[in-house]
N, C-alpha and C. Protein backbone atom coordinates (compact mmCIF):
# COMPACT_ATOMS: atom_id res chain seq x y z
N UNK A 1 0.41 -0.82 23.06
CA UNK A 1 -0.09 0.34 22.38
C UNK A 1 0.75 0.64 21.14
N UNK A 2 2.06 0.56 21.28
CA UNK A 2 2.92 0.86 20.14
C UNK A 2 2.81 -0.20 19.05
N UNK A 3 2.67 -1.46 19.45
CA UNK A 3 2.55 -2.50 18.43
C UNK A 3 1.25 -2.36 17.66
N UNK A 4 0.19 -1.88 18.30
CA UNK A 4 -1.07 -1.63 17.60
C UNK A 4 -0.89 -0.52 16.58
N UNK A 5 -0.13 0.49 16.92
CA UNK A 5 0.12 1.60 16.00
C UNK A 5 0.96 1.13 14.81
N UNK A 6 1.93 0.28 15.08
CA UNK A 6 2.76 -0.27 14.00
C UNK A 6 1.91 -1.13 13.08
N UNK A 7 1.07 -1.98 13.67
CA UNK A 7 0.18 -2.82 12.86
C UNK A 7 -0.74 -1.98 11.98
N UNK A 8 -1.28 -0.93 12.53
CA UNK A 8 -2.17 -0.04 11.77
C UNK A 8 -1.42 0.61 10.62
N UNK A 9 -0.19 1.03 10.88
CA UNK A 9 0.62 1.67 9.83
C UNK A 9 0.96 0.67 8.73
N UNK A 10 1.31 -0.54 9.10
CA UNK A 10 1.63 -1.57 8.10
C UNK A 10 0.39 -1.91 7.28
N UNK A 11 -0.75 -2.03 7.92
CA UNK A 11 -1.99 -2.32 7.22
C UNK A 11 -2.35 -1.21 6.24
N UNK A 12 -2.18 0.03 6.65
CA UNK A 12 -2.46 1.16 5.76
C UNK A 12 -1.52 1.14 4.57
N UNK A 13 -0.25 0.85 4.80
CA UNK A 13 0.71 0.75 3.71
C UNK A 13 0.33 -0.37 2.76
N UNK A 14 -0.03 -1.54 3.29
CA UNK A 14 -0.41 -2.68 2.46
C UNK A 14 -1.62 -2.38 1.60
N UNK A 15 -2.59 -1.66 2.16
CA UNK A 15 -3.78 -1.29 1.39
C UNK A 15 -3.41 -0.39 0.23
N UNK A 16 -2.56 0.58 0.47
CA UNK A 16 -2.12 1.49 -0.61
C UNK A 16 -1.33 0.74 -1.67
N UNK A 17 -0.45 -0.12 -1.23
CA UNK A 17 0.37 -0.90 -2.15
C UNK A 17 -0.50 -1.79 -3.03
N UNK A 18 -1.46 -2.46 -2.42
CA UNK A 18 -2.35 -3.34 -3.17
C UNK A 18 -3.21 -2.55 -4.14
N UNK A 19 -3.74 -1.42 -3.71
CA UNK A 19 -4.55 -0.59 -4.59
C UNK A 19 -3.75 -0.12 -5.80
N UNK A 20 -2.52 0.31 -5.56
CA UNK A 20 -1.65 0.75 -6.65
C UNK A 20 -1.38 -0.40 -7.62
N UNK A 21 -1.13 -1.57 -7.09
CA UNK A 21 -0.85 -2.75 -7.92
C UNK A 21 -2.07 -3.12 -8.76
N UNK A 22 -3.25 -3.10 -8.15
CA UNK A 22 -4.48 -3.44 -8.87
C UNK A 22 -4.75 -2.43 -9.99
N UNK A 23 -4.64 -1.15 -9.67
CA UNK A 23 -4.93 -0.11 -10.66
C UNK A 23 -3.92 -0.10 -11.80
N UNK A 24 -2.71 -0.55 -11.53
CA UNK A 24 -1.67 -0.54 -12.55
C UNK A 24 -1.51 -1.89 -13.21
N UNK A 25 -0.76 -2.75 -12.58
CA UNK A 25 -0.38 -4.05 -13.16
C UNK A 25 -1.57 -4.95 -13.44
N UNK A 26 -2.45 -5.12 -12.48
CA UNK A 26 -3.56 -6.05 -12.64
C UNK A 26 -4.50 -5.56 -13.74
N UNK A 27 -4.85 -4.29 -13.72
CA UNK A 27 -5.74 -3.75 -14.75
C UNK A 27 -5.12 -3.90 -16.14
N UNK A 28 -3.83 -3.63 -16.26
CA UNK A 28 -3.14 -3.76 -17.54
C UNK A 28 -3.18 -5.20 -18.03
N UNK A 29 -2.89 -6.14 -17.13
CA UNK A 29 -2.90 -7.55 -17.52
C UNK A 29 -4.29 -8.01 -17.95
N UNK A 30 -5.32 -7.56 -17.27
CA UNK A 30 -6.68 -7.93 -17.66
C UNK A 30 -7.01 -7.36 -19.04
N UNK A 31 -6.65 -6.11 -19.29
CA UNK A 31 -6.87 -5.51 -20.60
C UNK A 31 -6.13 -6.27 -21.70
N UNK A 32 -4.99 -6.84 -21.36
CA UNK A 32 -4.19 -7.60 -22.33
C UNK A 32 -4.66 -9.05 -22.45
N UNK A 33 -5.73 -9.40 -21.74
CA UNK A 33 -6.29 -10.74 -21.84
C UNK A 33 -5.65 -11.76 -20.93
N UNK A 34 -4.85 -11.33 -19.99
CA UNK A 34 -4.18 -12.25 -19.07
C UNK A 34 -5.07 -12.47 -17.84
N UNK A 35 -6.13 -13.23 -18.05
CA UNK A 35 -7.12 -13.43 -16.99
C UNK A 35 -6.60 -14.20 -15.78
N UNK A 36 -5.47 -14.91 -15.93
CA UNK A 36 -4.92 -15.64 -14.78
C UNK A 36 -4.53 -14.71 -13.64
N UNK A 37 -4.36 -13.44 -13.96
CA UNK A 37 -4.01 -12.47 -12.93
C UNK A 37 -5.14 -12.32 -11.91
N UNK A 38 -6.36 -12.59 -12.33
CA UNK A 38 -7.50 -12.52 -11.41
C UNK A 38 -7.37 -13.60 -10.34
N UNK A 39 -6.99 -14.80 -10.75
CA UNK A 39 -6.78 -15.87 -9.77
C UNK A 39 -5.66 -15.51 -8.80
N UNK A 40 -4.60 -14.93 -9.31
CA UNK A 40 -3.48 -14.51 -8.45
C UNK A 40 -3.94 -13.45 -7.45
N UNK A 41 -4.78 -12.53 -7.91
CA UNK A 41 -5.30 -11.49 -7.02
C UNK A 41 -6.18 -12.09 -5.93
N UNK A 42 -7.02 -13.04 -6.29
CA UNK A 42 -7.89 -13.69 -5.31
C UNK A 42 -7.05 -14.39 -4.24
N UNK A 43 -6.01 -15.10 -4.65
CA UNK A 43 -5.13 -15.79 -3.70
C UNK A 43 -4.47 -14.78 -2.76
N UNK A 44 -4.00 -13.68 -3.33
CA UNK A 44 -3.35 -12.63 -2.51
C UNK A 44 -4.32 -12.06 -1.50
N UNK A 45 -5.55 -11.76 -1.93
CA UNK A 45 -6.54 -11.22 -1.00
C UNK A 45 -6.90 -12.22 0.10
N UNK A 46 -6.98 -13.49 -0.26
CA UNK A 46 -7.28 -14.50 0.75
C UNK A 46 -6.18 -14.58 1.79
N UNK A 47 -4.93 -14.46 1.36
CA UNK A 47 -3.81 -14.48 2.30
C UNK A 47 -3.86 -13.29 3.24
N UNK A 48 -4.21 -12.12 2.70
CA UNK A 48 -4.26 -10.91 3.52
C UNK A 48 -5.40 -10.93 4.53
N UNK A 49 -6.45 -11.68 4.23
CA UNK A 49 -7.63 -11.68 5.10
C UNK A 49 -7.58 -12.73 6.19
N UNK A 50 -6.48 -13.47 6.29
CA UNK A 50 -6.36 -14.50 7.34
C UNK A 50 -6.22 -13.87 8.70
């Protein structure tokens, strides 16, 4: 039961962290024409969804 609560808390933290990163760094890089950041984001999302 406790490990499920810890997993849920870590997942919630990871979602917030990723959202913050996308809204800040990733969006900025895309606006600056650094499209390779999209590939990096896709790889990161694929790792998280395993």
